[in-house]
Amino acid sequence: MTRPKPNAEAINLTKQDLLRILTEDDSLRKLMQTLLQEALEAEMERTALPVLGHA
């Protein structure tokens, strides 16, 4: 991924547009599901393990 150039034109999307783009494309939808699942599992491990005495 490259950084935008200072003179790059901004792209304005609504939340609905972004959600539609991410859910209509199967590969992007699967990628988002995987990323969210990994983030949720990491957060659960970070918060639950110390409480359970496994840290």
PDB file of N, CA and C in Angstrom:
ATOM      1  N   MET A   1       0.847  -1.169   0.000  1.00  0.00           N
ATOM      2  CA  MET A   1       0.000   0.000   0.000  1.00  0.00           C
ATOM      3  C   MET A   1       0.892   1.231   0.000  1.00  0.00           C
ATOM      4  N   THR A   2       0.548   2.197  -0.806  1.00  0.00           N
ATOM      5  CA  THR A   2       1.345   3.407  -0.887  1.00  0.00           C
ATOM      6  C   THR A   2       0.636   4.553  -0.188  1.00  0.00           C
ATOM      7  N   ARG A   3       1.413   5.486   0.287  1.00  0.00           N
ATOM      8  CA  ARG A   3       0.835   6.675   0.912  1.00  0.00           C
ATOM      9  C   ARG A   3       0.280   7.586  -0.170  1.00  0.00           C
ATOM     10  N   PRO A   4      -0.824   8.258   0.151  1.00  0.00           N
ATOM     11  CA  PRO A   4      -1.346   9.199  -0.852  1.00  0.00           C
ATOM     12  C   PRO A   4      -0.394  10.377  -1.033  1.00  0.00           C
ATOM     13  N   LYS A   5      -0.313  10.845  -2.226  1.00  0.00           N
ATOM     14  CA  LYS A   5       0.523  12.010  -2.511  1.00  0.00           C
ATOM     15  C   LYS A   5      -0.218  13.257  -2.034  1.00  0.00           C
ATOM     16  N   PRO A   6       0.508  14.288  -1.657  1.00  0.00           N
ATOM     17  CA  PRO A   6      -0.147  15.509  -1.153  1.00  0.00           C
ATOM     18  C   PRO A   6      -1.182  16.086  -2.111  1.00  0.00           C
ATOM     19  N   ASN A   7      -0.997  15.909  -3.394  1.00  0.00           N
ATOM     20  CA  ASN A   7      -1.952  16.458  -4.359  1.00  0.00           C
ATOM     21  C   ASN A   7      -2.988  15.427  -4.804  1.00  0.00           C
ATOM     22  N   ALA A   8      -3.057  14.296  -4.112  1.00  0.00           N
ATOM     23  CA  ALA A   8      -4.024  13.260  -4.476  1.00  0.00           C
ATOM     24  C   ALA A   8      -5.437  13.746  -4.161  1.00  0.00           C
ATOM     25  N   GLU A   9      -6.348  13.403  -5.014  1.00  0.00           N
ATOM     26  CA  GLU A   9      -7.741  13.801  -4.826  1.00  0.00           C
ATOM     27  C   GLU A   9      -8.380  12.911  -3.768  1.00  0.00           C
ATOM     28  N   ALA A  10      -9.065  13.518  -2.833  1.00  0.00           N
ATOM     29  CA  ALA A  10      -9.739  12.766  -1.768  1.00  0.00           C
ATOM     30  C   ALA A  10     -10.960  12.052  -2.336  1.00  0.00           C
ATOM     31  N   ILE A  11     -11.204  10.876  -1.805  1.00  0.00           N
ATOM     32  CA  ILE A  11     -12.389  10.110  -2.190  1.00  0.00           C
ATOM     33  C   ILE A  11     -13.323  10.115  -0.997  1.00  0.00           C
ATOM     34  N   ASN A  12     -14.508  10.611  -1.197  1.00  0.00           N
ATOM     35  CA  ASN A  12     -15.482  10.677  -0.114  1.00  0.00           C
ATOM     36  C   ASN A  12     -16.515   9.572  -0.288  1.00  0.00           C
ATOM     37  N   LEU A  13     -16.601   8.695   0.710  1.00  0.00           N
ATOM     38  CA  LEU A  13     -17.578   7.614   0.714  1.00  0.00           C
ATOM     39  C   LEU A  13     -18.436   7.728   1.958  1.00  0.00           C
ATOM     40  N   THR A  14     -19.695   7.405   1.815  1.00  0.00           N
ATOM     41  CA  THR A  14     -20.543   7.326   2.995  1.00  0.00           C
ATOM     42  C   THR A  14     -20.303   5.972   3.655  1.00  0.00           C
ATOM     43  N   LYS A  15     -20.719   5.837   4.881  1.00  0.00           N
ATOM     44  CA  LYS A  15     -20.604   4.550   5.568  1.00  0.00           C
ATOM     45  C   LYS A  15     -21.354   3.473   4.805  1.00  0.00           C
ATOM     46  N   GLN A  16     -22.493   3.830   4.252  1.00  0.00           N
ATOM     47  CA  GLN A  16     -23.292   2.869   3.494  1.00  0.00           C
ATOM     48  C   GLN A  16     -22.561   2.429   2.227  1.00  0.00           C
ATOM     49  N   ASP A  17     -21.898   3.369   1.548  1.00  0.00           N
ATOM     50  CA  ASP A  17     -21.125   3.019   0.353  1.00  0.00           C
ATOM     51  C   ASP A  17     -20.001   2.058   0.700  1.00  0.00           C
ATOM     52  N   LEU A  18     -19.264   2.368   1.764  1.00  0.00           N
ATOM     53  CA  LEU A  18     -18.151   1.517   2.173  1.00  0.00           C
ATOM     54  C   LEU A  18     -18.647   0.129   2.567  1.00  0.00           C
ATOM     55  N   LEU A  19     -19.723   0.071   3.325  1.00  0.00           N
ATOM     56  CA  LEU A  19     -20.291  -1.214   3.725  1.00  0.00           C
ATOM     57  C   LEU A  19     -20.727  -2.022   2.510  1.00  0.00           C
ATOM     58  N   ARG A  20     -21.351  -1.363   1.544  1.00  0.00           N
ATOM     59  CA  ARG A  20     -21.779  -2.055   0.324  1.00  0.00           C
ATOM     60  C   ARG A  20     -20.577  -2.604  -0.440  1.00  0.00           C
ATOM     61  N   ILE A  21     -19.528  -1.808  -0.569  1.00  0.00           N
ATOM     62  CA  ILE A  21     -18.323  -2.244  -1.275  1.00  0.00           C
ATOM     63  C   ILE A  21     -17.707  -3.458  -0.585  1.00  0.00           C
ATOM     64  N   LEU A  22     -17.614  -3.395   0.742  1.00  0.00           N
ATOM     65  CA  LEU A  22     -16.971  -4.477   1.487  1.00  0.00           C
ATOM     66  C   LEU A  22     -17.802  -5.750   1.538  1.00  0.00           C
ATOM     67  N   THR A  23     -19.106  -5.643   1.433  1.00  0.00           N
ATOM     68  CA  THR A  23     -19.952  -6.839   1.530  1.00  0.00           C
ATOM     69  C   THR A  23     -20.320  -7.427   0.176  1.00  0.00           C
ATOM     70  N   GLU A  24     -20.274  -6.639  -0.880  1.00  0.00           N
ATOM     71  CA  GLU A  24     -20.633  -7.171  -2.195  1.00  0.00           C
ATOM     72  C   GLU A  24     -19.516  -8.004  -2.814  1.00  0.00           C
ATOM     73  N   ASP A  25     -18.291  -7.687  -2.502  1.00  0.00           N
ATOM     74  CA  ASP A  25     -17.143  -8.419  -3.045  1.00  0.00           C
ATOM     75  C   ASP A  25     -16.815  -9.557  -2.085  1.00  0.00           C
ATOM     76  N   ASP A  26     -16.969 -10.796  -2.549  1.00  0.00           N
ATOM     77  CA  ASP A  26     -16.756 -11.959  -1.680  1.00  0.00           C
ATOM     78  C   ASP A  26     -15.377 -11.991  -1.043  1.00  0.00           C
ATOM     79  N   SER A  27     -14.339 -11.668  -1.818  1.00  0.00           N
ATOM     80  CA  SER A  27     -12.995 -11.739  -1.260  1.00  0.00           C
ATOM     81  C   SER A  27     -12.790 -10.671  -0.187  1.00  0.00           C
ATOM     82  N   LEU A  28     -13.312  -9.469  -0.403  1.00  0.00           N
ATOM     83  CA  LEU A  28     -13.202  -8.430   0.619  1.00  0.00           C
ATOM     84  C   LEU A  28     -14.039  -8.776   1.851  1.00  0.00           C
ATOM     85  N   ARG A  29     -15.220  -9.349   1.620  1.00  0.00           N
ATOM     86  CA  ARG A  29     -16.085  -9.737   2.738  1.00  0.00           C
ATOM     87  C   ARG A  29     -15.396 -10.797   3.592  1.00  0.00           C
ATOM     88  N   LYS A  30     -14.789 -11.786   2.961  1.00  0.00           N
ATOM     89  CA  LYS A  30     -14.088 -12.837   3.704  1.00  0.00           C
ATOM     90  C   LYS A  30     -12.879 -12.278   4.445  1.00  0.00           C
ATOM     91  N   LEU A  31     -12.157 -11.355   3.805  1.00  0.00           N
ATOM     92  CA  LEU A  31     -11.020 -10.718   4.455  1.00  0.00           C
ATOM     93  C   LEU A  31     -11.469  -9.942   5.685  1.00  0.00           C
ATOM     94  N   MET A  32     -12.538  -9.177   5.557  1.00  0.00           N
ATOM     95  CA  MET A  32     -13.049  -8.410   6.692  1.00  0.00           C
ATOM     96  C   MET A  32     -13.513  -9.335   7.819  1.00  0.00           C
ATOM     97  N   GLN A  33     -14.164 -10.437   7.486  1.00  0.00           N
ATOM     98  CA  GLN A  33     -14.593 -11.394   8.507  1.00  0.00           C
ATOM     99  C   GLN A  33     -13.391 -11.960   9.252  1.00  0.00           C
ATOM    100  N   THR A  34     -12.354 -12.323   8.518  1.00  0.00           N
ATOM    101  CA  THR A  34     -11.152 -12.880   9.134  1.00  0.00           C
ATOM    102  C   THR A  34     -10.476 -11.850  10.034  1.00  0.00           C
ATOM    103  N   LEU A  35     -10.333 -10.623   9.542  1.00  0.00           N
ATOM    104  CA  LEU A  35      -9.699  -9.571  10.337  1.00  0.00           C
ATOM    105  C   LEU A  35     -10.481  -9.283  11.614  1.00  0.00           C
ATOM    106  N   LEU A  36     -11.788  -9.195  11.499  1.00  0.00           N
ATOM    107  CA  LEU A  36     -12.607  -8.935  12.682  1.00  0.00           C
ATOM    108  C   LEU A  36     -12.543 -10.092  13.670  1.00  0.00           C
ATOM    109  N   GLN A  37     -12.580 -11.315  13.174  1.00  0.00           N
ATOM    110  CA  GLN A  37     -12.499 -12.480  14.041  1.00  0.00           C
ATOM    111  C   GLN A  37     -11.173 -12.506  14.797  1.00  0.00           C
ATOM    112  N   GLU A  38     -10.079 -12.253  14.088  1.00  0.00           N
ATOM    113  CA  GLU A  38      -8.758 -12.227  14.727  1.00  0.00           C
ATOM    114  C   GLU A  38      -8.681 -11.138  15.790  1.00  0.00           C
ATOM    115  N   ALA A  39      -9.222  -9.958  15.468  1.00  0.00           N
ATOM    116  CA  ALA A  39      -9.195  -8.851  16.432  1.00  0.00           C
ATOM    117  C   ALA A  39     -10.028  -9.182  17.663  1.00  0.00           C
ATOM    118  N   LEU A  40     -11.189  -9.766  17.465  1.00  0.00           N
ATOM    119  CA  LEU A  40     -12.042 -10.134  18.605  1.00  0.00           C
ATOM    120  C   LEU A  40     -11.389 -11.201  19.473  1.00  0.00           C
ATOM    121  N   GLU A  41     -10.790 -12.206  18.846  1.00  0.00           N
ATOM    122  CA  GLU A  41     -10.123 -13.259  19.616  1.00  0.00           C
ATOM    123  C   GLU A  41      -8.941 -12.705  20.407  1.00  0.00           C
ATOM    124  N   ALA A  42      -8.183 -11.821  19.795  1.00  0.00           N
ATOM    125  CA  ALA A  42      -7.040 -11.215  20.490  1.00  0.00           C
ATOM    126  C   ALA A  42      -7.511 -10.390  21.676  1.00  0.00           C
ATOM    127  N   GLU A  43      -8.577  -9.645  21.496  1.00  0.00           N
ATOM    128  CA  GLU A  43      -9.107  -8.825  22.585  1.00  0.00           C
ATOM    129  C   GLU A  43      -9.645  -9.709  23.714  1.00  0.00           C
ATOM    130  N   MET A  44     -10.311 -10.796  23.356  1.00  0.00           N
ATOM    131  CA  MET A  44     -10.827 -11.712  24.381  1.00  0.00           C
ATOM    132  C   MET A  44      -9.681 -12.334  25.161  1.00  0.00           C
ATOM    133  N   GLU A  45      -8.641 -12.744  24.468  1.00  0.00           N
ATOM    134  CA  GLU A  45      -7.488 -13.335  25.147  1.00  0.00           C
ATOM    135  C   GLU A  45      -6.815 -12.313  26.057  1.00  0.00           C
ATOM    136  N   ARG A  46      -6.703 -11.101  25.578  1.00  0.00           N
ATOM    137  CA  ARG A  46      -6.039 -10.047  26.350  1.00  0.00           C
ATOM    138  C   ARG A  46      -6.804  -9.738  27.635  1.00  0.00           C
ATOM    139  N   THR A  47      -8.120  -9.761  27.576  1.00  0.00           N
ATOM    140  CA  THR A  47      -8.910  -9.396  28.753  1.00  0.00           C
ATOM    141  C   THR A  47      -9.317 -10.588  29.605  1.00  0.00           C
ATOM    142  N   ALA A  48      -9.554 -11.744  28.996  1.00  0.00           N
ATOM    143  CA  ALA A  48     -10.068 -12.887  29.745  1.00  0.00           C
ATOM    144  C   ALA A  48      -8.979 -13.688  30.445  1.00  0.00           C
ATOM    145  N   LEU A  49      -7.846 -13.884  29.823  1.00  0.00           N
ATOM    146  CA  LEU A  49      -6.815 -14.724  30.414  1.00  0.00           C
ATOM    147  C   LEU A  49      -6.307 -14.199  31.756  1.00  0.00           C
ATOM    148  N   PRO A  50      -6.036 -12.901  31.899  1.00  0.00           N
ATOM    149  CA  PRO A  50      -5.604 -12.432  33.220  1.00  0.00           C
ATOM    150  C   PRO A  50      -6.674 -12.658  34.304  1.00  0.00           C
ATOM    151  N   VAL A  51      -7.935 -12.509  33.945  1.00  0.00           N
ATOM    152  CA  VAL A  51      -9.018 -12.710  34.894  1.00  0.00           C
ATOM    153  C   VAL A  51      -9.085 -14.177  35.307  1.00  0.00           C
ATOM    154  N   LEU A  52      -8.836 -15.070  34.384  1.00  0.00           N
ATOM    155  CA  LEU A  52      -8.899 -16.498  34.659  1.00  0.00           C
ATOM    156  C   LEU A  52      -7.617 -17.018  35.306  1.00  0.00           C
ATOM    157  N   GLY A  53      -6.623 -16.172  35.447  1.00  0.00           N
ATOM    158  CA  GLY A  53      -5.384 -16.570  36.085  1.00  0.00           C
ATOM    159  C   GLY A  53      -4.422 -17.323  35.199  1.00  0.00           C
ATOM    160  N   HIS A  54      -4.547 -17.147  33.886  1.00  0.00           N
ATOM    161  CA  HIS A  54      -3.670 -17.854  32.943  1.00  0.00           C
ATOM    162  C   HIS A  54      -2.557 -16.966  32.407  1.00  0.00           C
ATOM    163  N   ALA A  55      -2.461 -15.785  32.910  1.00  0.00           N
ATOM    164  CA  ALA A  55      -1.423 -14.879  32.369  1.00  0.00           C
ATOM    165  C   ALA A  55      -0.206 -14.876  33.251  1.00  0.00           C
TER     166      ALA A  55
END
